[in-house]
Amino acid sequence: MPHTHTRRLHLPNETGQTLTEYSLLIVLIAVAVAVLLPGLATVLTGFVASAAAAFGG
């Protein structure tokens, strides 16, 4: 029976790439929150004010 050799496929280390992708994703989420938060605060303030007026407060 012939002796067979198996070859290992050497893939590049992608640890740094994954860290970079997650960092970019976190930055994108942070920018989106920073852009949307002031508008959301205005909407919520109006909602709370109208709810308080409806209950006589």
Protein backbone atom coordinates (compact mmCIF):
# COMPACT_ATOMS: atom_id res chain seq x y z
CA MET A 1 0.00 0.00 0.00
CA PRO A 2 1.59 3.33 -1.05
CA HIS A 3 2.21 5.94 1.57
CA THR A 4 0.17 9.08 0.91
CA HIS A 5 1.08 12.51 2.04
CA THR A 6 -1.49 15.09 2.93
CA ARG A 7 -0.84 18.70 2.20
CA ARG A 8 -1.90 21.43 4.53
CA LEU A 9 -3.48 24.48 3.00
CA HIS A 10 -1.81 27.49 4.55
CA LEU A 11 -4.30 30.31 4.74
CA PRO A 12 -3.22 33.82 5.66
CA ASN A 13 -3.89 34.96 9.19
CA GLU A 14 -7.07 37.06 9.06
CA THR A 15 -7.16 38.13 12.70
CA GLY A 16 -6.15 41.73 11.93
CA GLN A 17 -8.64 41.95 9.08
CA THR A 18 -11.51 40.81 11.31
CA LEU A 19 -10.54 43.32 13.99
CA THR A 20 -10.49 46.10 11.40
CA GLU A 21 -13.91 45.11 10.05
CA TYR A 22 -15.44 45.09 13.53
CA SER A 23 -13.82 48.45 14.32
CA LEU A 24 -15.26 49.99 11.16
CA LEU A 25 -18.68 48.56 11.99
CA ILE A 26 -18.57 50.04 15.50
CA VAL A 27 -17.54 53.45 14.11
CA LEU A 28 -20.37 53.32 11.56
CA ILE A 29 -22.92 52.51 14.27
CA ALA A 30 -21.56 55.29 16.51
CA VAL A 31 -21.82 57.85 13.70
CA ALA A 32 -25.37 56.74 12.88
CA VAL A 33 -26.41 57.08 16.53
CA ALA A 34 -24.78 60.51 16.80
CA VAL A 35 -26.62 61.69 13.69
CA LEU A 36 -30.03 60.21 14.61
CA LEU A 37 -30.08 60.91 18.36
CA PRO A 38 -30.88 64.65 18.27
CA GLY A 39 -33.85 64.07 15.95
CA LEU A 40 -35.07 61.19 18.09
CA ALA A 41 -34.79 63.34 21.22
CA THR A 42 -36.96 66.01 19.60
CA VAL A 43 -39.62 63.47 18.63
CA LEU A 44 -39.63 61.90 22.10
CA THR A 45 -39.86 65.30 23.80
CA GLY A 46 -42.87 66.19 21.67
CA PHE A 47 -44.49 62.83 22.39
CA VAL A 48 -44.02 63.16 26.16
CA ALA A 49 -45.31 66.76 26.10
CA SER A 50 -48.44 65.77 24.17
CA ALA A 51 -49.01 62.77 26.45
CA ALA A 52 -48.67 65.01 29.51
CA ALA A 53 -51.13 67.52 28.03
CA ALA A 54 -53.60 64.72 27.28
CA PHE A 55 -53.52 63.64 30.93
CA GLY A 56 -53.90 67.23 32.16
CA GLY A 57 -50.32 67.63 33.29
